[in-house]
N, C-alpha and C. Protein backbone atom coordinates (compact mmCIF):
# COMPACT_ATOMS: atom_id res chain seq x y z
N LEU A 1 143.08 88.21 132.17
CA LEU A 1 143.83 89.31 132.59
C LEU A 1 142.80 90.55 132.29
N ARG A 2 142.66 91.49 133.08
CA ARG A 2 141.98 92.73 132.73
C ARG A 2 142.82 93.96 133.59
N LEU A 3 142.78 94.94 133.01
CA LEU A 3 143.42 96.20 133.74
C LEU A 3 142.10 97.15 134.10
N ASP A 4 142.33 97.44 135.34
CA ASP A 4 141.26 98.52 135.96
C ASP A 4 141.63 99.93 135.24
N ALA A 5 140.69 100.94 135.62
CA ALA A 5 140.85 102.22 135.28
C ALA A 5 142.11 102.82 135.69
N ASN A 6 142.98 102.46 136.61
CA ASN A 6 144.25 102.82 136.96
C ASN A 6 145.18 102.30 136.40
N GLY A 7 144.95 101.12 135.40
CA GLY A 7 146.20 100.29 134.62
C GLY A 7 146.39 99.16 135.56
N GLN A 8 145.88 98.78 136.83
CA GLN A 8 146.31 97.60 137.63
C GLN A 8 145.73 96.50 137.16
N PRO A 9 146.58 95.53 137.10
CA PRO A 9 146.27 94.04 136.52
C PRO A 9 145.01 93.36 137.71
N ARG A 10 144.22 92.48 136.99
CA ARG A 10 143.34 91.78 138.08
C ARG A 10 143.38 90.69 137.21
N ILE A 11 143.28 89.50 137.87
CA ILE A 11 143.35 88.04 137.40
C ILE A 11 142.24 87.44 138.12
N GLY A 12 141.47 86.55 137.23
CA GLY A 12 140.77 85.61 137.98
C GLY A 12 141.33 84.04 137.49
N TYR A 13 141.53 83.02 138.24
CA TYR A 13 142.01 81.98 137.75
C TYR A 13 141.66 80.97 138.63
N TYR A 14 142.06 79.55 137.91
CA TYR A 14 141.71 78.17 138.60
C TYR A 14 142.96 77.69 139.44
N ASP A 15 142.64 77.52 140.78
CA ASP A 15 144.06 76.82 141.36
C ASP A 15 143.63 75.33 141.35
N GLN A 16 144.18 74.70 140.29
CA GLN A 16 144.18 73.26 140.20
C GLN A 16 144.54 72.38 141.22
N THR A 17 145.59 72.90 141.92
CA THR A 17 145.89 71.90 143.10
C THR A 17 144.85 71.96 144.14
N ARG A 18 144.21 73.09 144.43
CA ARG A 18 143.06 72.99 145.52
C ARG A 18 141.82 72.84 144.84
N GLY A 19 141.59 72.97 143.57
CA GLY A 19 140.24 72.94 143.09
C GLY A 19 139.40 74.25 143.37
N ASN A 20 140.10 75.44 143.49
CA ASN A 20 139.21 76.54 143.71
C ASN A 20 139.44 77.83 142.79
N LEU A 21 138.35 78.48 142.70
CA LEU A 21 138.54 79.71 141.80
C LEU A 21 139.06 80.79 142.75
N LYS A 22 140.14 81.61 142.31
CA LYS A 22 140.74 82.67 142.82
C LYS A 22 140.54 83.98 142.12
N TYR A 23 141.07 85.04 142.74
CA TYR A 23 140.98 86.24 142.30
C TYR A 23 142.17 86.94 142.70
N ALA A 24 142.84 87.68 141.83
CA ALA A 24 144.03 88.46 142.31
C ALA A 24 144.05 89.90 141.72
N GLU A 25 144.50 91.01 142.52
CA GLU A 25 144.52 92.24 141.92
C GLU A 25 145.79 92.97 142.73
N ARG A 26 146.43 93.72 141.97
CA ARG A 26 147.63 94.57 142.18
C ARG A 26 147.22 95.52 143.03
N ARG A 27 147.77 95.81 144.32
CA ARG A 27 147.37 96.87 145.22
C ARG A 27 148.47 97.67 145.71
N SER A 28 149.20 98.77 145.40
CA SER A 28 150.21 99.45 146.05
C SER A 28 151.55 98.57 145.83
N GLY A 29 151.69 98.02 144.66
CA GLY A 29 152.85 97.17 144.43
C GLY A 29 152.66 95.76 145.00
N ALA A 30 151.71 95.26 145.59
CA ALA A 30 151.48 94.08 146.00
C ALA A 30 150.35 93.11 145.39
N TRP A 31 150.46 91.94 145.30
CA TRP A 31 149.33 91.16 144.92
C TRP A 31 148.52 90.76 146.04
N VAL A 32 147.16 91.06 146.04
CA VAL A 32 146.15 90.64 146.92
C VAL A 32 145.24 89.62 146.38
N ILE A 33 145.57 88.27 147.08
CA ILE A 33 144.94 87.13 146.34
C ILE A 33 143.66 86.65 147.29
N GLU A 34 142.36 86.51 146.83
CA GLU A 34 141.27 86.12 147.40
C GLU A 34 140.80 84.77 146.90
N ASN A 35 140.33 83.96 147.81
CA ASN A 35 139.67 82.63 147.41
C ASN A 35 138.03 83.27 147.20
N VAL A 36 137.55 82.85 145.82
CA VAL A 36 136.24 83.43 145.53
C VAL A 36 135.21 82.17 145.66
N ASP A 37 135.74 81.02 145.28
CA ASP A 37 134.62 79.70 145.53
C ASP A 37 135.48 78.61 145.67
N THR A 38 135.28 77.88 147.04
CA THR A 38 135.87 76.88 147.40
C THR A 38 135.09 75.51 147.51
N THR A 39 133.72 75.40 146.69
CA THR A 39 132.92 74.57 147.32
C THR A 39 133.10 73.31 146.19
N GLY A 40 133.76 72.44 146.33
CA GLY A 40 134.04 71.26 145.30
C GLY A 40 135.16 71.72 144.39
N ASP A 41 135.11 71.13 143.14
CA ASP A 41 136.18 71.37 142.09
C ASP A 41 135.59 72.54 141.38
N VAL A 42 135.80 73.87 141.57
CA VAL A 42 135.53 75.09 140.86
C VAL A 42 136.40 75.93 140.32
N GLY A 43 136.16 76.52 139.22
CA GLY A 43 136.85 77.49 138.68
C GLY A 43 137.54 77.38 137.55
N SER A 44 137.50 76.11 136.79
CA SER A 44 137.96 75.91 135.48
C SER A 44 137.37 76.75 134.49
N TYR A 45 138.04 76.96 133.43
CA TYR A 45 137.55 77.80 132.23
C TYR A 45 137.03 79.23 132.91
N CYS A 46 137.73 79.71 133.55
CA CYS A 46 137.59 81.17 134.06
C CYS A 46 137.72 82.15 133.09
N SER A 47 136.71 83.01 133.15
CA SER A 47 136.89 84.34 132.45
C SER A 47 136.40 85.60 133.33
N LEU A 48 137.31 86.63 133.10
CA LEU A 48 137.20 87.77 133.73
C LEU A 48 136.52 89.00 133.05
N ALA A 49 135.68 89.86 133.36
CA ALA A 49 135.27 90.94 133.01
C ALA A 49 135.27 92.09 133.97
N LEU A 50 135.33 93.33 133.76
CA LEU A 50 135.28 94.45 134.61
C LEU A 50 134.22 95.48 134.31
N HIS A 51 133.18 95.79 135.17
CA HIS A 51 132.14 96.68 135.14
C HIS A 51 132.99 98.15 134.97
N ALA A 52 132.38 99.01 134.17
CA ALA A 52 133.06 100.30 133.98
C ALA A 52 133.33 100.90 135.42
N ALA A 53 132.91 100.64 136.58
CA ALA A 53 133.08 101.10 137.82
C ALA A 53 134.22 100.13 138.53
N GLY A 54 134.61 99.13 137.81
CA GLY A 54 135.68 98.34 138.31
C GLY A 54 135.14 97.01 139.06
N LYS A 55 134.07 96.53 139.08
CA LYS A 55 133.42 95.74 139.79
C LYS A 55 133.66 94.37 138.90
N PRO A 56 134.19 93.32 139.41
CA PRO A 56 134.81 92.17 138.78
C PRO A 56 133.61 91.10 138.49
N PHE A 57 133.48 90.55 137.29
CA PHE A 57 132.52 89.46 137.05
C PHE A 57 133.43 88.17 136.49
N LEU A 58 133.11 87.28 137.20
CA LEU A 58 134.04 85.83 136.80
C LEU A 58 133.06 84.89 136.31
N SER A 59 133.14 84.45 135.24
CA SER A 59 132.24 83.23 134.81
C SER A 59 133.10 81.92 134.84
N TYR A 60 132.70 80.89 135.13
CA TYR A 60 133.47 79.48 135.29
C TYR A 60 132.74 78.15 135.56
N TYR A 61 133.30 77.36 135.21
CA TYR A 61 132.78 75.86 135.27
C TYR A 61 132.87 75.27 136.70
N ASP A 62 131.97 74.78 137.20
CA ASP A 62 131.85 74.05 138.29
C ASP A 62 131.87 72.66 137.86
N ALA A 63 133.18 71.93 138.20
CA ALA A 63 133.24 70.62 137.67
C ALA A 63 132.56 69.64 138.78
N THR A 64 132.33 70.00 139.95
CA THR A 64 131.49 68.96 140.61
C THR A 64 130.16 68.87 140.35
N ALA A 65 129.50 70.03 139.94
CA ALA A 65 127.95 69.90 139.78
C ALA A 65 127.82 70.04 138.18
N LYS A 66 128.85 70.34 137.47
CA LYS A 66 128.78 70.45 135.92
C LYS A 66 127.75 71.61 135.69
N ASN A 67 127.95 72.74 136.09
CA ASN A 67 127.28 74.01 136.08
C ASN A 67 128.00 75.13 135.62
N LEU A 68 127.59 76.00 134.85
CA LEU A 68 128.35 77.46 134.63
C LEU A 68 127.77 78.33 135.81
N LYS A 69 128.69 78.91 136.32
CA LYS A 69 128.59 79.79 137.53
C LYS A 69 129.00 81.20 137.33
N LEU A 70 128.79 82.33 138.15
CA LEU A 70 129.02 83.48 137.92
C LEU A 70 129.52 83.97 139.37
N ALA A 71 130.41 84.83 139.63
CA ALA A 71 130.96 85.40 140.88
C ALA A 71 131.14 86.78 140.62
N THR A 72 130.42 87.66 141.56
CA THR A 72 130.49 89.11 141.32
C THR A 72 130.87 89.63 142.61
N LYS A 73 131.68 90.55 142.61
CA LYS A 73 132.01 91.15 144.01
C LYS A 73 131.56 92.62 144.09
N SER A 74 131.00 92.84 145.20
CA SER A 74 130.43 94.27 145.72
C SER A 74 130.57 94.38 147.03
N GLY A 75 131.01 95.57 147.37
CA GLY A 75 131.23 95.87 149.03
C GLY A 75 132.25 94.87 149.59
N GLY A 76 132.99 94.20 148.87
CA GLY A 76 134.05 93.51 149.66
C GLY A 76 133.81 92.14 149.53
N VAL A 77 132.35 91.76 149.20
CA VAL A 77 131.75 90.40 149.32
C VAL A 77 131.68 89.78 148.17
N TRP A 78 131.84 88.61 147.54
CA TRP A 78 131.59 87.77 146.51
C TRP A 78 130.22 87.21 146.71
N THR A 79 129.47 87.13 145.58
CA THR A 79 128.33 86.49 145.51
C THR A 79 128.34 85.45 144.23
N LEU A 80 128.06 84.38 144.56
CA LEU A 80 128.12 83.16 143.62
C LEU A 80 126.67 82.70 143.35
N VAL A 81 126.49 82.75 141.76
CA VAL A 81 125.32 82.44 141.29
C VAL A 81 125.58 81.42 140.09
N GLU A 82 124.37 80.23 140.46
CA GLU A 82 124.44 79.31 139.09
C GLU A 82 123.54 79.80 138.02
N VAL A 83 124.26 80.00 137.01
CA VAL A 83 123.64 80.69 135.67
C VAL A 83 122.78 79.67 134.80
N ASP A 84 123.72 78.34 134.57
CA ASP A 84 122.76 77.26 133.64
C ASP A 84 123.24 76.09 134.57
N THR A 85 122.20 75.22 134.71
CA THR A 85 122.31 73.83 135.35
C THR A 85 121.59 73.02 134.68
N SER A 86 121.57 73.10 133.36
CA SER A 86 120.68 72.17 132.56
C SER A 86 121.70 71.29 131.84
N GLY A 87 122.42 70.10 132.41
CA GLY A 87 123.18 69.02 131.91
C GLY A 87 124.58 69.77 132.40
N ASP A 88 125.33 69.09 131.48
CA ASP A 88 126.91 69.33 131.93
C ASP A 88 127.30 70.65 130.77
N VAL A 89 127.30 71.74 131.66
CA VAL A 89 127.18 73.17 130.96
C VAL A 89 128.43 73.87 131.77
N GLY A 90 129.15 74.85 131.10
CA GLY A 90 129.88 76.03 131.54
C GLY A 90 131.40 75.87 131.14
N GLN A 91 131.62 74.88 130.40
CA GLN A 91 133.02 74.71 129.89
C GLN A 91 133.36 75.94 128.80
N ARG A 92 134.52 76.29 128.66
CA ARG A 92 135.01 77.25 127.65
C ARG A 92 134.20 78.65 127.82
N THR A 93 134.10 79.22 129.04
CA THR A 93 133.49 80.32 129.23
C THR A 93 134.29 81.68 128.73
N SER A 94 133.46 82.70 128.26
CA SER A 94 133.96 83.87 127.87
C SER A 94 132.96 85.03 128.49
N ILE A 95 133.25 85.93 129.23
CA ILE A 95 132.48 86.96 129.62
C ILE A 95 132.39 88.27 128.99
N GLY A 96 131.53 89.02 129.08
CA GLY A 96 131.85 90.31 128.82
C GLY A 96 130.60 91.20 129.54
N VAL A 97 130.61 92.61 129.65
CA VAL A 97 129.67 93.33 130.21
C VAL A 97 128.99 94.19 129.09
N SER A 98 127.91 94.38 129.12
CA SER A 98 126.77 95.04 128.50
C SER A 98 126.98 96.51 128.66
N PRO A 99 126.61 97.27 127.76
CA PRO A 99 126.81 98.88 127.98
C PRO A 99 125.83 99.08 129.49
N SER A 100 124.81 98.39 129.60
CA SER A 100 123.99 98.68 130.89
C SER A 100 124.59 98.13 132.22
N GLY A 101 126.07 97.29 131.99
CA GLY A 101 126.52 96.87 133.25
C GLY A 101 126.35 95.68 133.47
N LEU A 102 125.48 94.75 132.81
CA LEU A 102 125.00 93.47 132.99
C LEU A 102 125.95 92.22 132.35
N PRO A 103 126.24 91.31 132.92
CA PRO A 103 127.13 90.32 132.45
C PRO A 103 126.54 89.67 131.14
N ARG A 104 127.38 89.17 130.22
CA ARG A 104 127.08 88.13 129.23
C ARG A 104 127.96 87.14 129.02
N ILE A 105 127.43 86.02 128.88
CA ILE A 105 128.53 84.80 128.99
C ILE A 105 128.45 83.76 127.73
N SER A 106 129.35 83.52 126.96
CA SER A 106 129.44 82.55 126.04
C SER A 106 130.15 81.23 126.72
N TYR A 107 129.45 80.24 126.51
CA TYR A 107 130.09 78.87 127.11
C TYR A 107 129.55 77.62 126.21
N TYR A 108 130.22 76.54 126.60
CA TYR A 108 130.14 75.12 126.06
C TYR A 108 128.86 74.21 126.70
N ASP A 109 128.26 73.88 126.09
CA ASP A 109 127.16 72.80 126.71
C ASP A 109 127.53 71.42 126.10
N LEU A 110 128.29 70.72 127.03
CA LEU A 110 128.85 69.31 126.73
C LEU A 110 127.60 68.11 126.38
N THR A 111 126.52 68.53 127.15
CA THR A 111 125.45 67.72 127.06
C THR A 111 124.89 67.39 125.69
N ASN A 112 124.50 68.73 125.15
CA ASN A 112 123.92 68.88 123.75
C ASN A 112 125.03 69.14 122.71
N ASP A 113 126.45 69.13 123.17
CA ASP A 113 127.16 69.45 122.13
C ASP A 113 126.94 70.64 121.28
N SER A 114 126.59 71.79 122.04
CA SER A 114 126.59 73.19 121.58
C SER A 114 127.05 74.20 122.17
N GLN A 115 127.14 75.40 121.54
CA GLN A 115 127.71 76.50 121.94
C GLN A 115 126.39 77.60 122.61
N LYS A 116 126.36 77.99 123.74
CA LYS A 116 125.51 78.50 124.46
C LYS A 116 125.70 80.30 124.88
N PHE A 117 124.99 81.01 125.04
CA PHE A 117 124.80 82.25 125.49
C PHE A 117 123.97 82.59 126.47
N ALA A 118 124.48 83.25 127.49
CA ALA A 118 123.59 83.81 128.74
C ALA A 118 123.62 85.13 128.85
N GLU A 119 122.47 85.84 129.09
CA GLU A 119 122.59 87.22 129.47
C GLU A 119 121.77 87.43 130.60
N LEU A 120 122.14 88.38 131.66
CA LEU A 120 121.42 88.69 132.75
C LEU A 120 120.52 89.86 132.25
N PHE A 121 119.25 89.76 132.35
CA PHE A 121 118.48 90.76 131.90
C PHE A 121 117.54 91.59 132.91
N SER A 122 117.60 91.10 134.45
CA SER A 122 117.22 91.54 135.46
C SER A 122 118.22 91.20 136.40
N LEU A 123 117.73 91.61 137.71
CA LEU A 123 118.86 91.24 138.76
C LEU A 123 118.95 89.98 139.09
N SER A 124 117.88 88.92 138.75
CA SER A 124 118.04 87.45 139.12
C SER A 124 117.47 86.67 138.00
N SER A 125 117.28 87.16 136.72
CA SER A 125 116.78 86.27 135.79
C SER A 125 117.70 86.32 134.49
N TRP A 126 117.91 85.12 133.98
CA TRP A 126 118.91 84.83 132.94
C TRP A 126 118.20 84.39 131.74
N ASN A 127 118.50 84.94 130.48
CA ASN A 127 118.04 84.46 129.24
C ASN A 127 119.06 83.56 128.80
N LEU A 128 118.90 82.38 128.43
CA LEU A 128 119.82 81.35 127.88
C LEU A 128 119.41 80.88 126.48
N PHE A 129 120.47 81.05 125.40
CA PHE A 129 120.35 80.72 124.03
C PHE A 129 121.38 79.78 123.80
N LYS A 130 120.81 78.78 122.85
CA LYS A 130 121.88 78.03 122.11
C LYS A 130 122.00 78.66 120.86
N VAL A 131 123.59 78.68 120.74
CA VAL A 131 123.98 79.60 119.61
C VAL A 131 124.14 78.67 118.31
N GLU A 132 124.85 77.44 118.49
CA GLU A 132 125.22 76.44 117.42
C GLU A 132 125.27 75.26 118.01
N GLU A 133 124.88 74.24 117.49
CA GLU A 133 125.27 72.92 117.62
C GLU A 133 126.46 72.50 117.03
N SER A 134 127.34 71.80 117.84
CA SER A 134 128.51 71.34 117.23
C SER A 134 128.55 69.84 116.73
N ALA A 135 127.67 69.54 116.04
CA ALA A 135 127.46 68.13 115.65
C ALA A 135 128.59 68.03 114.62
N GLY A 136 129.38 68.91 114.37
CA GLY A 136 130.55 68.66 113.49
C GLY A 136 131.47 67.72 114.21
N TYR A 137 131.61 67.87 115.45
CA TYR A 137 132.73 66.79 116.16
C TYR A 137 132.19 65.57 115.91
N GLN A 138 131.07 65.19 116.31
CA GLN A 138 130.68 64.03 115.91
C GLN A 138 130.52 63.21 114.49
N SER A 139 130.33 64.28 113.69
CA SER A 139 130.13 63.86 112.27
C SER A 139 131.82 63.56 112.09
N ARG A 140 132.86 64.26 112.40
CA ARG A 140 134.13 64.21 111.95
C ARG A 140 134.79 62.81 112.67
N VAL A 141 134.06 62.14 113.85
CA VAL A 141 134.69 61.14 114.32
C VAL A 141 133.84 60.10 113.75
N ALA A 142 132.85 60.15 113.23
CA ALA A 142 132.14 59.10 112.51
C ALA A 142 132.70 59.01 111.06
N ALA A 143 133.23 59.98 110.47
CA ALA A 143 133.88 60.02 109.19
C ALA A 143 135.36 59.46 109.05
N ALA A 144 135.88 59.56 110.42
CA ALA A 144 137.40 59.10 110.33
C ALA A 144 137.72 57.79 109.49
N PRO A 145 136.84 56.82 109.70
CA PRO A 145 137.38 55.67 108.61
C PRO A 145 137.47 55.98 107.26
N TRP A 146 136.36 56.80 106.86
CA TRP A 146 136.20 56.84 105.60
C TRP A 146 137.25 57.84 105.01
N ARG A 147 137.64 58.86 106.08
CA ARG A 147 138.82 59.82 105.64
C ARG A 147 140.08 58.99 105.72
N GLU A 148 140.50 58.15 106.34
CA GLU A 148 141.43 57.19 106.23
C GLU A 148 141.42 56.34 104.93
N GLN A 149 140.41 55.91 104.39
CA GLN A 149 140.30 55.31 103.22
C GLN A 149 140.57 56.20 102.01
N GLU A 150 140.04 57.32 102.12
CA GLU A 150 140.32 58.42 100.93
C GLU A 150 141.89 58.74 101.18
N TYR A 151 142.28 58.91 102.38
CA TYR A 151 143.73 59.26 102.29
C TYR A 151 144.83 58.17 101.62
N GLN A 152 144.24 57.08 101.92
CA GLN A 152 145.06 56.04 101.32
C GLN A 152 144.81 55.93 99.81
N ALA A 153 143.77 56.15 99.48
CA ALA A 153 143.39 55.98 97.88
C ALA A 153 144.32 57.25 97.39
N LEU A 154 144.35 58.39 97.94
CA LEU A 154 145.04 59.48 97.43
C LEU A 154 146.52 59.12 97.26
N SER A 155 147.17 58.70 98.35
CA SER A 155 148.33 58.17 98.62
C SER A 155 148.58 57.29 97.53
N ARG A 156 147.90 56.05 96.99
CA ARG A 156 148.27 55.37 95.99
C ARG A 156 148.23 55.89 94.74
N ASP A 157 147.16 56.87 94.62
CA ASP A 157 147.22 57.55 93.27
C ASP A 157 148.39 58.57 92.98
N TYR A 158 148.95 59.07 94.19
CA TYR A 158 150.08 59.98 94.06
C TYR A 158 151.33 59.09 93.71
N ALA A 159 151.34 57.96 94.37
CA ALA A 159 152.42 56.99 94.07
C ALA A 159 152.72 56.51 92.54
N SER A 160 151.31 56.20 92.20
CA SER A 160 151.46 55.62 90.75
C SER A 160 151.80 56.82 89.74
N THR A 161 151.08 57.85 89.99
CA THR A 161 151.38 58.93 89.24
C THR A 161 152.91 59.54 89.40
N ARG A 162 153.31 59.50 90.39
CA ARG A 162 154.95 59.96 90.51
C ARG A 162 155.76 58.81 89.71
N ASP A 163 155.61 57.55 89.68
CA ASP A 163 156.12 56.50 89.07
C ASP A 163 156.04 56.84 87.48
N PHE A 164 154.82 56.86 87.38
CA PHE A 164 154.41 57.36 85.71
C PHE A 164 155.37 58.42 85.05
N TYR A 165 155.11 59.63 85.92
CA TYR A 165 156.07 60.73 85.75
C TYR A 165 157.47 60.48 85.66
N ASP A 166 158.05 59.71 86.67
CA ASP A 166 159.42 59.11 86.45
C ASP A 166 159.87 58.54 85.09
N SER A 167 159.05 57.50 84.80
CA SER A 167 159.18 56.62 83.59
C SER A 167 159.09 57.97 82.30
N LEU A 168 158.23 58.73 82.37
CA LEU A 168 158.22 59.64 81.17
C LEU A 168 159.53 60.38 81.21
N LEU A 169 159.93 60.99 82.22
CA LEU A 169 161.17 61.79 82.49
C LEU A 169 162.44 60.92 82.05
N LYS A 170 162.45 59.72 82.28
CA LYS A 170 163.60 58.92 82.16
C LYS A 170 163.71 58.62 80.55
N ARG A 171 162.37 58.35 79.77
CA ARG A 171 162.46 58.23 78.44
C ARG A 171 162.72 59.62 77.74
N TYR A 172 162.24 60.55 78.26
CA TYR A 172 162.68 62.03 77.50
C TYR A 172 164.10 62.19 77.49
N GLU A 173 164.80 61.79 78.78
CA GLU A 173 166.23 62.15 78.98
C GLU A 173 167.05 61.10 78.09
N GLU A 174 166.39 59.84 77.94
CA GLU A 174 166.94 58.88 76.90
C GLU A 174 166.94 59.41 75.19
N ALA A 175 165.76 60.04 75.18
CA ALA A 175 165.32 60.47 73.86
C ALA A 175 166.54 61.62 73.68
N GLN A 176 166.66 62.53 74.49
CA GLN A 176 167.58 63.65 74.44
C GLN A 176 168.75 63.25 74.09
N LEU A 177 169.40 62.21 74.97
CA LEU A 177 170.88 61.70 74.77
C LEU A 177 171.00 61.12 73.28
N ALA A 178 169.97 60.17 72.80
CA ALA A 178 170.01 59.68 71.49
C ALA A 178 170.01 60.75 70.33
N GLU A 179 168.95 61.83 70.65
CA GLU A 179 169.19 63.03 69.53
C GLU A 179 170.48 63.72 69.60
N SER A 180 171.21 63.82 70.69
CA SER A 180 172.47 64.35 70.66
C SER A 180 173.46 63.52 70.03
N HIS A 181 173.42 62.27 70.29
CA HIS A 181 174.34 61.28 69.70
C HIS A 181 174.22 61.40 67.87
N GLU A 182 172.96 61.50 67.63
CA GLU A 182 172.44 61.49 66.19
C GLU A 182 173.02 62.72 65.47
N GLY A 183 173.34 63.64 66.16
CA GLY A 183 173.52 65.07 65.64
C GLY A 183 175.02 65.15 65.58
N ARG A 184 175.95 64.06 65.93
CA ARG A 184 177.32 64.12 65.71
C ARG A 184 177.75 63.98 64.12
N PRO A 185 178.86 64.66 63.57
CA PRO A 185 179.27 64.33 62.16
C PRO A 185 179.53 62.92 62.09
N ARG A 186 179.33 62.19 60.60
CA ARG A 186 179.29 60.92 60.44
C ARG A 186 180.92 60.87 60.12
N GLY A 187 181.36 59.77 60.01
CA GLY A 187 182.57 59.47 59.59
C GLY A 187 183.72 59.49 60.54
N GLN A 188 183.49 59.47 61.71
CA GLN A 188 184.47 59.45 62.77
C GLN A 188 184.62 58.17 63.03
N ARG A 189 185.87 57.70 63.27
CA ARG A 189 186.08 56.25 63.52
C ARG A 189 186.77 56.10 64.96
N LEU A 190 186.29 55.25 65.61
CA LEU A 190 187.02 54.97 66.78
C LEU A 190 188.10 54.02 66.67
N ARG A 191 189.18 54.30 67.16
CA ARG A 191 190.48 53.45 67.07
C ARG A 191 190.62 52.63 68.38
N LEU A 192 190.93 51.43 68.21
CA LEU A 192 191.38 50.63 69.50
C LEU A 192 192.76 50.36 69.43
N LEU A 193 193.54 50.62 70.48
CA LEU A 193 195.03 50.41 70.63
C LEU A 193 195.13 49.16 71.35
């Protein structure tokens, strides 16, 4: 969701039923909805940004081709561009517009398990950067059995420490009770009837 200069909402979204990328804007109190890309299963992980002049930019994932794509609208016509086609790329997109009016996109590269960044630096050339490798996920999966063992050891330690504490507490209470009985004056007799 983005608001244009007049405060009107604009939305880019994935129509999961049809597998299409759609765009909606509010005009004169009514929603105007357009099909942006209908080729295959396209539009998931959609992100919308607006140029200062109101021109929409939509970054999204093409699940059929497994690519990052960009849609721009100018003069009432949508232009579709493949930004990155190097493997299974384009999930979790987030788009912004540079001060010079060019789109910049952050997205996930599933093939290399890394976060990437793309910026348009001329009318048809993209700079693609790897931001960070997400090897953390793979290492967490590999460490899962070890973490389970560590958790079990901690649970055992906690249980034995709790039992030891309970026995100390019981002995302390017994000692307090014995001390309170010892403090009674002597010479009192107990009578049985």
